[in-house]
Each structure stands twice: as C-alpha cells, then as structure tokens.
Amino acid sequence: STVMRLFDDWQETLIYSCLQTVMGKVFVTKSNNPKSALAFVDCFGF
C-alpha cells in the first residue's frame, strides 16, 4: 500500500498482480516512505 501511488498511472495486469501480492514481488530501497519501486514478475520488471 505504501507504493501504490507510484504506480497510479500504470495499467498493467502484471503490476496489479504484484501490488495485490498475488504474483511477483515489489522491491524498494527504503522500507518506510519509499520514493522508488520495482514491481517484478518472472522476467518482467517495472
């Protein structure tokens, strides 16, 4: 929920899967109040 705002303008199913923790992972450099993020599924990164 802390990074959903970073992906507001994206309309990619793979990103939604990461944000909903269904499939893939989200990586950040700061765990509290992250300013950047990587949504990663299989071999795709956003």
ModelCIF file with pLDDT and N, C-alpha, C, O atoms, coordinates in Angstrom:
data_MODEL
#
_entry.id   MODEL 
#
_entity.id                         1 
_entity.type                       polymer 
_entity.pdbx_number_of_molecules   1 
#
_entity_poly.entity_id                      1 
_entity_poly.type                           'polypeptide(L)' 
_entity_poly.nstd_linkage                   no 
_entity_poly.nstd_monomer                   no 
_entity_poly.pdbx_seq_one_letter_code       STVMRLFDDWQETLIYSCLQTVMGKVFVTKSNNPKSALAFVDCFGF 
_entity_poly.pdbx_seq_one_letter_code_can   STVMRLFDDWQETLIYSCLQTVMGKVFVTKSNNPKSALAFVDCFGF 
_entity_poly.pdbx_strand_id                 A 
#
loop_
_entity_poly_seq.entity_id 
_entity_poly_seq.num 
_entity_poly_seq.mon_id 
_entity_poly_seq.hetero 
1 1  SER n 
1 2  THR n 
1 3  VAL n 
1 4  MET n 
1 5  ARG n 
1 6  LEU n 
1 7  PHE n 
1 8  ASP n 
1 9  ASP n 
1 10 TRP n 
1 11 GLN n 
1 12 GLU n 
1 13 THR n 
1 14 LEU n 
1 15 ILE n 
1 16 TYR n 
1 17 SER n 
1 18 CYS n 
1 19 LEU n 
1 20 GLN n 
1 21 THR n 
1 22 VAL n 
1 23 MET n 
1 24 GLY n 
1 25 LYS n 
1 26 VAL n 
1 27 PHE n 
1 28 VAL n 
1 29 THR n 
1 30 LYS n 
1 31 SER n 
1 32 ASN n 
1 33 ASN n 
1 34 PRO n 
1 35 LYS n 
1 36 SER n 
1 37 ALA n 
1 38 LEU n 
1 39 ALA n 
1 40 PHE n 
1 41 VAL n 
1 42 ASP n 
1 43 CYS n 
1 44 PHE n 
1 45 GLY n 
1 46 PHE n 
#
_struct_asym.id          A 
_struct_asym.entity_id   1 
#
loop_
_ma_qa_metric.id 
_ma_qa_metric.mode 
_ma_qa_metric.name 
_ma_qa_metric.software_group_id 
_ma_qa_metric.type 
1 global pLDDT . pLDDT 
2 local  pLDDT . pLDDT 
#
_ma_qa_metric_global.metric_id      1 
_ma_qa_metric_global.metric_value   93.13 
_ma_qa_metric_global.model_id       1 
_ma_qa_metric_global.ordinal_id     1 
#
loop_
_ma_qa_metric_local.label_asym_id 
_ma_qa_metric_local.label_comp_id 
_ma_qa_metric_local.label_seq_id 
_ma_qa_metric_local.metric_id 
_ma_qa_metric_local.metric_value 
_ma_qa_metric_local.model_id 
_ma_qa_metric_local.ordinal_id 
A SER 1  2 93.00 1 1  
A THR 2  2 93.00 1 2  
A VAL 3  2 94.00 1 3  
A MET 4  2 94.00 1 4  
A ARG 5  2 94.00 1 5  
A LEU 6  2 94.00 1 6  
A PHE 7  2 94.00 1 7  
A ASP 8  2 92.00 1 8  
A ASP 9  2 88.00 1 9  
A TRP 10 2 89.00 1 10 
A GLN 11 2 91.00 1 11 
A GLU 12 2 92.00 1 12 
A THR 13 2 93.00 1 13 
A LEU 14 2 94.00 1 14 
A ILE 15 2 94.00 1 15 
A TYR 16 2 94.00 1 16 
A SER 17 2 94.00 1 17 
A CYS 18 2 94.00 1 18 
A LEU 19 2 95.00 1 19 
A GLN 20 2 95.00 1 20 
A THR 21 2 93.00 1 21 
A VAL 22 2 94.00 1 22 
A MET 23 2 95.00 1 23 
A GLY 24 2 96.00 1 24 
A LYS 25 2 96.00 1 25 
A VAL 26 2 97.00 1 26 
A PHE 27 2 96.00 1 27 
A VAL 28 2 94.00 1 28 
A THR 29 2 89.00 1 29 
A LYS 30 2 88.00 1 30 
A SER 31 2 85.00 1 31 
A ASN 32 2 87.00 1 32 
A ASN 33 2 88.00 1 33 
A PRO 34 2 92.00 1 34 
A LYS 35 2 92.00 1 35 
A SER 36 2 93.00 1 36 
A ALA 37 2 94.00 1 37 
A LEU 38 2 95.00 1 38 
A ALA 39 2 96.00 1 39 
A PHE 40 2 97.00 1 40 
A VAL 41 2 94.00 1 41 
A ASP 42 2 92.00 1 42 
A CYS 43 2 94.00 1 43 
A PHE 44 2 95.00 1 44 
A GLY 45 2 95.00 1 45 
A PHE 46 2 96.00 1 46 
#
loop_
_atom_site.group_PDB 
_atom_site.id 
_atom_site.type_symbol 
_atom_site.label_atom_id 
_atom_site.label_alt_id 
_atom_site.label_comp_id 
_atom_site.label_asym_id 
_atom_site.label_entity_id 
_atom_site.label_seq_id 
_atom_site.pdbx_PDB_ins_code 
_atom_site.Cartn_x 
_atom_site.Cartn_y 
_atom_site.Cartn_z 
_atom_site.occupancy 
_atom_site.B_iso_or_equiv 
_atom_site.pdbx_formal_charge 
_atom_site.auth_seq_id 
_atom_site.auth_comp_id 
_atom_site.auth_asym_id 
_atom_site.auth_atom_id 
_atom_site.pdbx_PDB_model_num 
ATOM 1   N N  . SER A 1 1  ? 0.826  -1.214  0.000   1.00 93.00 ? 1  SER A N  1 
ATOM 2   C CA . SER A 1 1  ? 0.000  0.000   0.000   1.00 93.00 ? 1  SER A CA 1 
ATOM 3   C C  . SER A 1 1  ? 0.858  1.262   0.000   1.00 93.00 ? 1  SER A C  1 
ATOM 4   O O  . SER A 1 1  ? 0.399  2.325   -0.419  1.00 93.00 ? 1  SER A O  1 
ATOM 5   N N  . THR A 1 2  ? 2.103  1.151   0.468   1.00 93.00 ? 2  THR A N  1 
ATOM 6   C CA . THR A 1 2  ? 2.979  2.322   0.525   1.00 93.00 ? 2  THR A CA 1 
ATOM 7   C C  . THR A 1 2  ? 3.517  2.734   -0.850  1.00 93.00 ? 2  THR A C  1 
ATOM 8   O O  . THR A 1 2  ? 4.024  3.846   -0.996  1.00 93.00 ? 2  THR A O  1 
ATOM 9   N N  . VAL A 1 3  ? 3.417  1.867   -1.856  1.00 94.00 ? 3  VAL A N  1 
ATOM 10  C CA . VAL A 1 3  ? 3.933  2.204   -3.192  1.00 94.00 ? 3  VAL A CA 1 
ATOM 11  C C  . VAL A 1 3  ? 2.842  2.274   -4.259  1.00 94.00 ? 3  VAL A C  1 
ATOM 12  O O  . VAL A 1 3  ? 3.142  2.545   -5.421  1.00 94.00 ? 3  VAL A O  1 
ATOM 13  N N  . MET A 1 4  ? 1.609  2.041   -3.897  1.00 94.00 ? 4  MET A N  1 
ATOM 14  C CA . MET A 1 4  ? 0.528  2.072   -4.900  1.00 94.00 ? 4  MET A CA 1 
ATOM 15  C C  . MET A 1 4  ? 0.470  3.403   -5.633  1.00 94.00 ? 4  MET A C  1 
ATOM 16  O O  . MET A 1 4  ? 0.168  3.443   -6.826  1.00 94.00 ? 4  MET A O  1 
ATOM 17  N N  . ARG A 1 5  ? 0.755  4.489   -4.932  1.00 94.00 ? 5  ARG A N  1 
ATOM 18  C CA . ARG A 1 5  ? 0.715  5.820   -5.560  1.00 94.00 ? 5  ARG A CA 1 
ATOM 19  C C  . ARG A 1 5  ? 1.766  5.958   -6.659  1.00 94.00 ? 5  ARG A C  1 
ATOM 20  O O  . ARG A 1 5  ? 1.569  6.715   -7.610  1.00 94.00 ? 5  ARG A O  1 
ATOM 21  N N  . LEU A 1 6  ? 2.879  5.234   -6.538  1.00 94.00 ? 6  LEU A N  1 
ATOM 22  C CA . LEU A 1 6  ? 3.933  5.304   -7.551  1.00 94.00 ? 6  LEU A CA 1 
ATOM 23  C C  . LEU A 1 6  ? 3.497  4.674   -8.871  1.00 94.00 ? 6  LEU A C  1 
ATOM 24  O O  . LEU A 1 6  ? 3.998  5.038   -9.934  1.00 94.00 ? 6  LEU A O  1 
ATOM 25  N N  . PHE A 1 7  ? 2.572  3.737   -8.800  1.00 94.00 ? 7  PHE A N  1 
ATOM 26  C CA . PHE A 1 7  ? 2.108  3.030   -9.994  1.00 94.00 ? 7  PHE A CA 1 
ATOM 27  C C  . PHE A 1 7  ? 0.710  3.474   -10.428 1.00 94.00 ? 7  PHE A C  1 
ATOM 28  O O  . PHE A 1 7  ? 0.051  2.764   -11.188 1.00 94.00 ? 7  PHE A O  1 
ATOM 29  N N  . ASP A 1 8  ? 0.251  4.629   -9.962  1.00 92.00 ? 8  ASP A N  1 
ATOM 30  C CA . ASP A 1 8  ? -1.103 5.104   -10.283 1.00 92.00 ? 8  ASP A CA 1 
ATOM 31  C C  . ASP A 1 8  ? -1.397 5.187   -11.774 1.00 92.00 ? 8  ASP A C  1 
ATOM 32  O O  . ASP A 1 8  ? -2.495 4.829   -12.200 1.00 92.00 ? 8  ASP A O  1 
ATOM 33  N N  . ASP A 1 9  ? -0.457 5.644   -12.566 1.00 88.00 ? 9  ASP A N  1 
ATOM 34  C CA . ASP A 1 9  ? -0.706 5.860   -13.997 1.00 88.00 ? 9  ASP A CA 1 
ATOM 35  C C  . ASP A 1 9  ? -0.493 4.608   -14.843 1.00 88.00 ? 9  ASP A C  1 
ATOM 36  O O  . ASP A 1 9  ? -0.737 4.633   -16.049 1.00 88.00 ? 9  ASP A O  1 
ATOM 37  N N  . TRP A 1 10 ? -0.046 3.522   -14.233 1.00 89.00 ? 10 TRP A N  1 
ATOM 38  C CA . TRP A 1 10 ? 0.205  2.285   -14.976 1.00 89.00 ? 10 TRP A CA 1 
ATOM 39  C C  . TRP A 1 10 ? -1.079 1.468   -15.059 1.00 89.00 ? 10 TRP A C  1 
ATOM 40  O O  . TRP A 1 10 ? -1.835 1.379   -14.091 1.00 89.00 ? 10 TRP A O  1 
ATOM 41  N N  . GLN A 1 11 ? -1.315 0.878   -16.219 1.00 91.00 ? 11 GLN A N  1 
ATOM 42  C CA . GLN A 1 11 ? -2.462 -0.011  -16.382 1.00 91.00 ? 11 GLN A CA 1 
ATOM 43  C C  . GLN A 1 11 ? -1.971 -1.350  -16.907 1.00 91.00 ? 11 GLN A C  1 
ATOM 44  O O  . GLN A 1 11 ? -2.334 -1.776  -18.003 1.00 91.00 ? 11 GLN A O  1 
ATOM 45  N N  . GLU A 1 12 ? -1.147 -2.000  -16.114 1.00 92.00 ? 12 GLU A N  1 
ATOM 46  C CA . GLU A 1 12 ? -0.554 -3.290  -16.459 1.00 92.00 ? 12 GLU A CA 1 
ATOM 47  C C  . GLU A 1 12 ? -1.021 -4.346  -15.465 1.00 92.00 ? 12 GLU A C  1 
ATOM 48  O O  . GLU A 1 12 ? -0.907 -4.163  -14.253 1.00 92.00 ? 12 GLU A O  1 
ATOM 49  N N  . THR A 1 13 ? -1.540 -5.434  -15.978 1.00 93.00 ? 13 THR A N  1 
ATOM 50  C CA . THR A 1 13 ? -2.002 -6.521  -15.124 1.00 93.00 ? 13 THR A CA 1 
ATOM 51  C C  . THR A 1 13 ? -0.889 -7.077  -14.257 1.00 93.00 ? 13 THR A C  1 
ATOM 52  O O  . THR A 1 13 ? -1.125 -7.434  -13.103 1.00 93.00 ? 13 THR A O  1 
ATOM 53  N N  . LEU A 1 14 ? 0.323  -7.158  -14.796 1.00 94.00 ? 14 LEU A N  1 
ATOM 54  C CA . LEU A 1 14 ? 1.439  -7.680  -14.019 1.00 94.00 ? 14 LEU A CA 1 
ATOM 55  C C  . LEU A 1 14 ? 1.735  -6.810  -12.796 1.00 94.00 ? 14 LEU A C  1 
ATOM 56  O O  . LEU A 1 14 ? 2.080  -7.326  -11.733 1.00 94.00 ? 14 LEU A O  1 
ATOM 57  N N  . ILE A 1 15 ? 1.599  -5.497  -12.948 1.00 94.00 ? 15 ILE A N  1 
ATOM 58  C CA . ILE A 1 15 ? 1.831  -4.603  -11.818 1.00 94.00 ? 15 ILE A CA 1 
ATOM 59  C C  . ILE A 1 15 ? 0.740  -4.785  -10.768 1.00 94.00 ? 15 ILE A C  1 
ATOM 60  O O  . ILE A 1 15 ? 1.027  -4.837  -9.572  1.00 94.00 ? 15 ILE A O  1 
ATOM 61  N N  . TYR A 1 16 ? -0.507 -4.881  -11.216 1.00 94.00 ? 16 TYR A N  1 
ATOM 62  C CA . TYR A 1 16 ? -1.607 -5.106  -10.273 1.00 94.00 ? 16 TYR A CA 1 
ATOM 63  C C  . TYR A 1 16 ? -1.404 -6.403  -9.501  1.00 94.00 ? 16 TYR A C  1 
ATOM 64  O O  . TYR A 1 16 ? -1.703 -6.471  -8.309  1.00 94.00 ? 16 TYR A O  1 
ATOM 65  N N  . SER A 1 17 ? -0.897 -7.429  -10.173 1.00 94.00 ? 17 SER A N  1 
ATOM 66  C CA . SER A 1 17 ? -0.639 -8.715  -9.513  1.00 94.00 ? 17 SER A CA 1 
ATOM 67  C C  . SER A 1 17 ? 0.394  -8.562  -8.409  1.00 94.00 ? 17 SER A C  1 
ATOM 68  O O  . SER A 1 17 ? 0.254  -9.153  -7.338  1.00 94.00 ? 17 SER A O  1 
ATOM 69  N N  . CYS A 1 18 ? 1.426  -7.777  -8.663  1.00 94.00 ? 18 CYS A N  1 
ATOM 70  C CA . CYS A 1 18 ? 2.451  -7.529  -7.640  1.00 94.00 ? 18 CYS A CA 1 
ATOM 71  C C  . CYS A 1 18 ? 1.881  -6.734  -6.476  1.00 94.00 ? 18 CYS A C  1 
ATOM 72  O O  . CYS A 1 18 ? 2.115  -7.074  -5.316  1.00 94.00 ? 18 CYS A O  1 
ATOM 73  N N  . LEU A 1 19 ? 1.138  -5.682  -6.777  1.00 95.00 ? 19 LEU A N  1 
ATOM 74  C CA . LEU A 1 19 ? 0.589  -4.830  -5.730  1.00 95.00 ? 19 LEU A CA 1 
ATOM 75  C C  . LEU A 1 19 ? -0.436 -5.554  -4.871  1.00 95.00 ? 19 LEU A C  1 
ATOM 76  O O  . LEU A 1 19 ? -0.592 -5.242  -3.691  1.00 95.00 ? 19 LEU A O  1 
ATOM 77  N N  . GLN A 1 20 ? -1.132 -6.514  -5.455  1.00 95.00 ? 20 GLN A N  1 
ATOM 78  C CA . GLN A 1 20 ? -2.121 -7.294  -4.709  1.00 95.00 ? 20 GLN A CA 1 
ATOM 79  C C  . GLN A 1 20 ? -1.485 -8.534  -4.064  1.00 95.00 ? 20 GLN A C  1 
ATOM 80  O O  . GLN A 1 20 ? -2.183 -9.330  -3.436  1.00 95.00 ? 20 GLN A O  1 
ATOM 81  N N  . THR A 1 21 ? -0.190 -8.696  -4.216  1.00 93.00 ? 21 THR A N  1 
ATOM 82  C CA . THR A 1 21 ? 0.597  -9.825  -3.700  1.00 93.00 ? 21 THR A CA 1 
ATOM 83  C C  . THR A 1 21 ? 0.075  -11.178 -4.165  1.00 93.00 ? 21 THR A C  1 
ATOM 84  O O  . THR A 1 21 ? 0.187  -12.177 -3.456  1.00 93.00 ? 21 THR A O  1 
ATOM 85  N N  . VAL A 1 22 ? -0.494 -11.196 -5.359  1.00 94.00 ? 22 VAL A N  1 
ATOM 86  C CA . VAL A 1 22 ? -0.980 -12.448 -5.956  1.00 94.00 ? 22 VAL A CA 1 
ATOM 87  C C  . VAL A 1 22 ? 0.166  -13.170 -6.641  1.00 94.00 ? 22 VAL A C  1 
ATOM 88  O O  . VAL A 1 22 ? 0.303  -14.389 -6.542  1.00 94.00 ? 22 VAL A O  1 
ATOM 89  N N  . MET A 1 23 ? 0.988  -12.394 -7.337  1.00 95.00 ? 23 MET A N  1 
ATOM 90  C CA . MET A 1 23 ? 2.083  -12.964 -8.120  1.00 95.00 ? 23 MET A CA 1 
ATOM 91  C C  . MET A 1 23 ? 3.174  -11.897 -8.215  1.00 95.00 ? 23 MET A C  1 
ATOM 92  O O  . MET A 1 23 ? 2.869  -10.717 -8.388  1.00 95.00 ? 23 MET A O  1 
ATOM 93  N N  . GLY A 1 24 ? 4.415  -12.292 -8.106  1.00 96.00 ? 24 GLY A N  1 
ATOM 94  C CA . GLY A 1 24 ? 5.521  -11.352 -8.201  1.00 96.00 ? 24 GLY A CA 1 
ATOM 95  C C  . GLY A 1 24 ? 5.833  -10.689 -6.877  1.00 96.00 ? 24 GLY A C  1 
ATOM 96  O O  . GLY A 1 24 ? 5.242  -11.008 -5.846  1.00 96.00 ? 24 GLY A O  1 
ATOM 97  N N  . LYS A 1 25 ? 6.774  -9.759  -6.925  1.00 96.00 ? 25 LYS A N  1 
ATOM 98  C CA . LYS A 1 25 ? 7.221  -9.055  -5.723  1.00 96.00 ? 25 LYS A CA 1 
ATOM 99  C C  . LYS A 1 25 ? 7.450  -7.584  -6.039  1.00 96.00 ? 25 LYS A C  1 
ATOM 100 O O  . LYS A 1 25 ? 7.626  -7.199  -7.195  1.00 96.00 ? 25 LYS A O  1 
ATOM 101 N N  . VAL A 1 26 ? 7.445  -6.788  -5.009  1.00 97.00 ? 26 VAL A N  1 
ATOM 102 C CA . VAL A 1 26 ? 7.764  -5.369  -5.120  1.00 97.00 ? 26 VAL A CA 1 
ATOM 103 C C  . VAL A 1 26 ? 9.015  -5.121  -4.276  1.00 97.00 ? 26 VAL A C  1 
ATOM 104 O O  . VAL A 1 26 ? 9.083  -5.519  -3.113  1.00 97.00 ? 26 VAL A O  1 
ATOM 105 N N  . PHE A 1 27 ? 9.996  -4.460  -4.877  1.00 96.00 ? 27 PHE A N  1 
ATOM 106 C CA . PHE A 1 27 ? 11.243 -4.136  -4.196  1.00 96.00 ? 27 PHE A CA 1 
ATOM 107 C C  . PHE A 1 27 ? 11.383 -2.630  -4.083  1.00 96.00 ? 27 PHE A C  1 
ATOM 108 O O  . PHE A 1 27 ? 11.014 -1.894  -4.998  1.00 96.00 ? 27 PHE A O  1 
ATOM 109 N N  . VAL A 1 28 ? 11.916 -2.174  -2.963  1.00 94.00 ? 28 VAL A N  1 
ATOM 110 C CA . VAL A 1 28 ? 12.144 -0.738  -2.709  1.00 94.00 ? 28 VAL A CA 1 
ATOM 111 C C  . VAL A 1 28 ? 13.512 -0.552  -2.076  1.00 94.00 ? 28 VAL A C  1 
ATOM 112 O O  . VAL A 1 28 ? 14.111 -1.506  -1.578  1.00 94.00 ? 28 VAL A O  1 
ATOM 113 N N  . THR A 1 29 ? 14.002 0.675   -2.096  1.00 89.00 ? 29 THR A N  1 
ATOM 114 C CA . THR A 1 29 ? 15.283 0.963   -1.458  1.00 89.00 ? 29 THR A CA 1 
ATOM 115 C C  . THR A 1 29 ? 15.108 1.517   -0.046  1.00 89.00 ? 29 THR A C  1 
ATOM 116 O O  . THR A 1 29 ? 16.049 1.507   0.748   1.00 89.00 ? 29 THR A O  1 
ATOM 117 N N  . LYS A 1 30 ? 13.902 2.000   0.269   1.00 88.00 ? 30 LYS A N  1 
ATOM 118 C CA . LYS A 1 30 ? 13.582 2.466   1.616   1.00 88.00 ? 30 LYS A CA 1 
ATOM 119 C C  . LYS A 1 30 ? 12.275 1.802   2.014   1.00 88.00 ? 30 LYS A C  1 
ATOM 120 O O  . LYS A 1 30 ? 11.272 1.953   1.318   1.00 88.00 ? 30 LYS A O  1 
ATOM 121 N N  . SER A 1 31 ? 12.270 1.077   3.108   1.00 85.00 ? 31 SER A N  1 
ATOM 122 C CA . SER A 1 31 ? 11.058 0.373   3.505   1.00 85.00 ? 31 SER A CA 1 
ATOM 123 C C  . SER A 1 31 ? 9.980  1.307   4.059   1.00 85.00 ? 31 SER A C  1 
ATOM 124 O O  . SER A 1 31 ? 8.791  1.003   3.962   1.00 85.00 ? 31 SER A O  1 
ATOM 125 N N  . ASN A 1 32 ? 10.381 2.433   4.634   1.00 87.00 ? 32 ASN A N  1 
ATOM 126 C CA . ASN A 1 32 ? 9.392  3.404   5.105   1.00 87.00 ? 32 ASN A CA 1 
ATOM 127 C C  . ASN A 1 32 ? 9.396  4.611   4.169   1.00 87.00 ? 32 ASN A C  1 
ATOM 128 O O  . ASN A 1 32 ? 10.442 5.209   3.915   1.00 87.00 ? 32 ASN A O  1 
ATOM 129 N N  . ASN A 1 33 ? 8.233  4.956   3.668   1.00 88.00 ? 33 ASN A N  1 
ATOM 130 C CA . ASN A 1 33 ? 8.051  6.062   2.728   1.00 88.00 ? 33 ASN A CA 1 
ATOM 131 C C  . ASN A 1 33 ? 8.942  5.934   1.484   1.00 88.00 ? 33 ASN A C  1 
ATOM 132 O O  . ASN A 1 33 ? 9.765  6.813   1.228   1.00 88.00 ? 33 ASN A O  1 
ATOM 133 N N  . PRO A 1 34 ? 8.791  4.856   0.715   1.00 92.00 ? 34 PRO A N  1 
ATOM 134 C CA . PRO A 1 34 ? 9.624  4.662   -0.481  1.00 92.00 ? 34 PRO A CA 1 
ATOM 135 C C  . PRO A 1 34 ? 9.329  5.695   -1.568  1.00 92.00 ? 34 PRO A C  1 
ATOM 136 O O  . PRO A 1 34 ? 8.181  6.086   -1.780  1.00 92.00 ? 34 PRO A O  1 
ATOM 137 N N  . LYS A 1 35 ? 10.383 6.125   -2.245  1.00 92.00 ? 35 LYS A N  1 
ATOM 138 C CA . LYS A 1 35 ? 10.270 7.092   -3.344  1.00 92.00 ? 35 LYS A CA 1 
ATOM 139 C C  . LYS A 1 35 ? 10.402 6.424   -4.706  1.00 92.00 ? 35 LYS A C  1 
ATOM 140 O O  . LYS A 1 35 ? 10.070 7.028   -5.726  1.00 92.00 ? 35 LYS A O  1 
ATOM 141 N N  . SER A 1 36 ? 10.884 5.178   -4.734  1.00 93.00 ? 36 SER A N  1 
ATOM 142 C CA . SER A 1 36 ? 11.009 4.427   -5.981  1.00 93.00 ? 36 SER A CA 1 
ATOM 143 C C  . SER A 1 36 ? 10.740 2.955   -5.689  1.00 93.00 ? 36 SER A C  1 
ATOM 144 O O  . SER A 1 36 ? 10.924 2.479   -4.569  1.00 93.00 ? 36 SER A O  1 
ATOM 145 N N  . ALA A 1 37 ? 10.295 2.245   -6.736  1.00 94.00 ? 37 ALA A N  1 
ATOM 146 C CA . ALA A 1 37 ? 9.953  0.837   -6.537  1.00 94.00 ? 37 ALA A CA 1 
ATOM 147 C C  . ALA A 1 37 ? 10.160 0.054   -7.828  1.00 94.00 ? 37 ALA A C  1 
ATOM 148 O O  . ALA A 1 37 ? 10.174 0.615   -8.924  1.00 94.00 ? 37 ALA A O  1 
ATOM 149 N N  . LEU A 1 38 ? 10.318 -1.248  -7.669  1.00 95.00 ? 38 LEU A N  1 
ATOM 150 C CA . LEU A 1 38 ? 10.420 -2.179  -8.779  1.00 95.00 ? 38 LEU A CA 1 
ATOM 151 C C  . LEU A 1 38 ? 9.381  -3.266  -8.576  1.00 95.00 ? 38 LEU A C  1 
ATOM 152 O O  . LEU A 1 38 ? 9.447  -4.014  -7.600  1.00 95.00 ? 38 LEU A O  1 
ATOM 153 N N  . ALA A 1 39 ? 8.421  -3.360  -9.486  1.00 96.00 ? 39 ALA A N  1 
ATOM 154 C CA . ALA A 1 39 ? 7.460  -4.458  -9.481  1.00 96.00 ? 39 ALA A CA 1 
ATOM 155 C C  . ALA A 1 39 ? 8.035  -5.523  -10.406 1.00 96.00 ? 39 ALA A C  1 
ATOM 156 O O  . ALA A 1 39 ? 8.264  -5.264  -11.587 1.00 96.00 ? 39 ALA A O  1 
ATOM 157 N N  . PHE A 1 40 ? 8.267  -6.719  -9.875  1.00 97.00 ? 40 PHE A N  1 
ATOM 158 C CA . PHE A 1 40 ? 8.980  -7.754  -10.616 1.00 97.00 ? 40 PHE A CA 1 
ATOM 159 C C  . PHE A 1 40 ? 8.171  -9.042  -10.662 1.00 97.00 ? 40 PHE A C  1 
ATOM 160 O O  . PHE A 1 40 ? 7.794  -9.592  -9.628  1.00 97.00 ? 40 PHE A O  1 
ATOM 161 N N  . VAL A 1 41 ? 7.908  -9.518  -11.892 1.00 94.00 ? 41 VAL A N  1 
ATOM 162 C CA . VAL A 1 41 ? 7.207  -10.783 -12.108 1.00 94.00 ? 41 VAL A CA 1 
ATOM 163 C C  . VAL A 1 41 ? 7.973  -11.563 -13.158 1.00 94.00 ? 41 VAL A C  1 
ATOM 164 O O  . VAL A 1 41 ? 8.158  -11.089 -14.279 1.00 94.00 ? 41 VAL A O  1 
ATOM 165 N N  . ASP A 1 42 ? 8.422  -12.768 -12.796 1.00 92.00 ? 42 ASP A N  1 
ATOM 166 C CA . ASP A 1 42 ? 9.140  -13.666 -13.700 1.00 92.00 ? 42 ASP A CA 1 
ATOM 167 C C  . ASP A 1 42 ? 10.349 -12.948 -14.298 1.00 92.00 ? 42 ASP A C  1 
ATOM 168 O O  . ASP A 1 42 ? 11.352 -12.772 -13.607 1.00 92.00 ? 42 ASP A O  1 
ATOM 169 N N  . CYS A 1 43 ? 10.283 -12.532 -15.554 1.00 94.00 ? 43 CYS A N  1 
ATOM 170 C CA . CYS A 1 43 ? 11.410 -11.828 -16.174 1.00 94.00 ? 43 CYS A CA 1 
ATOM 171 C C  . CYS A 1 43 ? 11.027 -10.393 -16.565 1.00 94.00 ? 43 CYS A C  1 
ATOM 172 O O  . CYS A 1 43 ? 11.728 -9.753  -17.348 1.00 94.00 ? 43 CYS A O  1 
ATOM 173 N N  . PHE A 1 44 ? 9.919  -9.895  -16.019 1.00 95.00 ? 44 PHE A N  1 
ATOM 174 C CA . PHE A 1 44 ? 9.460  -8.542  -16.308 1.00 95.00 ? 44 PHE A CA 1 
ATOM 175 C C  . PHE A 1 44 ? 9.634  -7.667  -15.081 1.00 95.00 ? 44 PHE A C  1 
ATOM 176 O O  . PHE A 1 44 ? 9.271  -8.056  -13.971 1.00 95.00 ? 44 PHE A O  1 
ATOM 177 N N  . GLY A 1 45 ? 10.193 -6.481  -15.289 1.00 95.00 ? 45 GLY A N  1 
ATOM 178 C CA . GLY A 1 45 ? 10.365 -5.529  -14.203 1.00 95.00 ? 45 GLY A CA 1 
ATOM 179 C C  . GLY A 1 45 ? 9.827  -4.167  -14.597 1.00 95.00 ? 45 GLY A C  1 
ATOM 180 O O  . GLY A 1 45 ? 10.068 -3.698  -15.710 1.00 95.00 ? 45 GLY A O  1 
ATOM 181 N N  . PHE A 1 46 ? 9.108  -3.537  -13.701 1.00 96.00 ? 46 PHE A N  1 
ATOM 182 C CA . PHE A 1 46 ? 8.536  -2.216  -13.958 1.00 96.00 ? 46 PHE A CA 1 
ATOM 183 C C  . PHE A 1 46 ? 9.021  -1.274  -12.867 1.00 96.00 ? 46 PHE A C  1 
ATOM 184 O O  . PHE A 1 46 ? 8.670  -0.094  -12.868 1.00 96.00 ? 46 PHE A O  1 
#
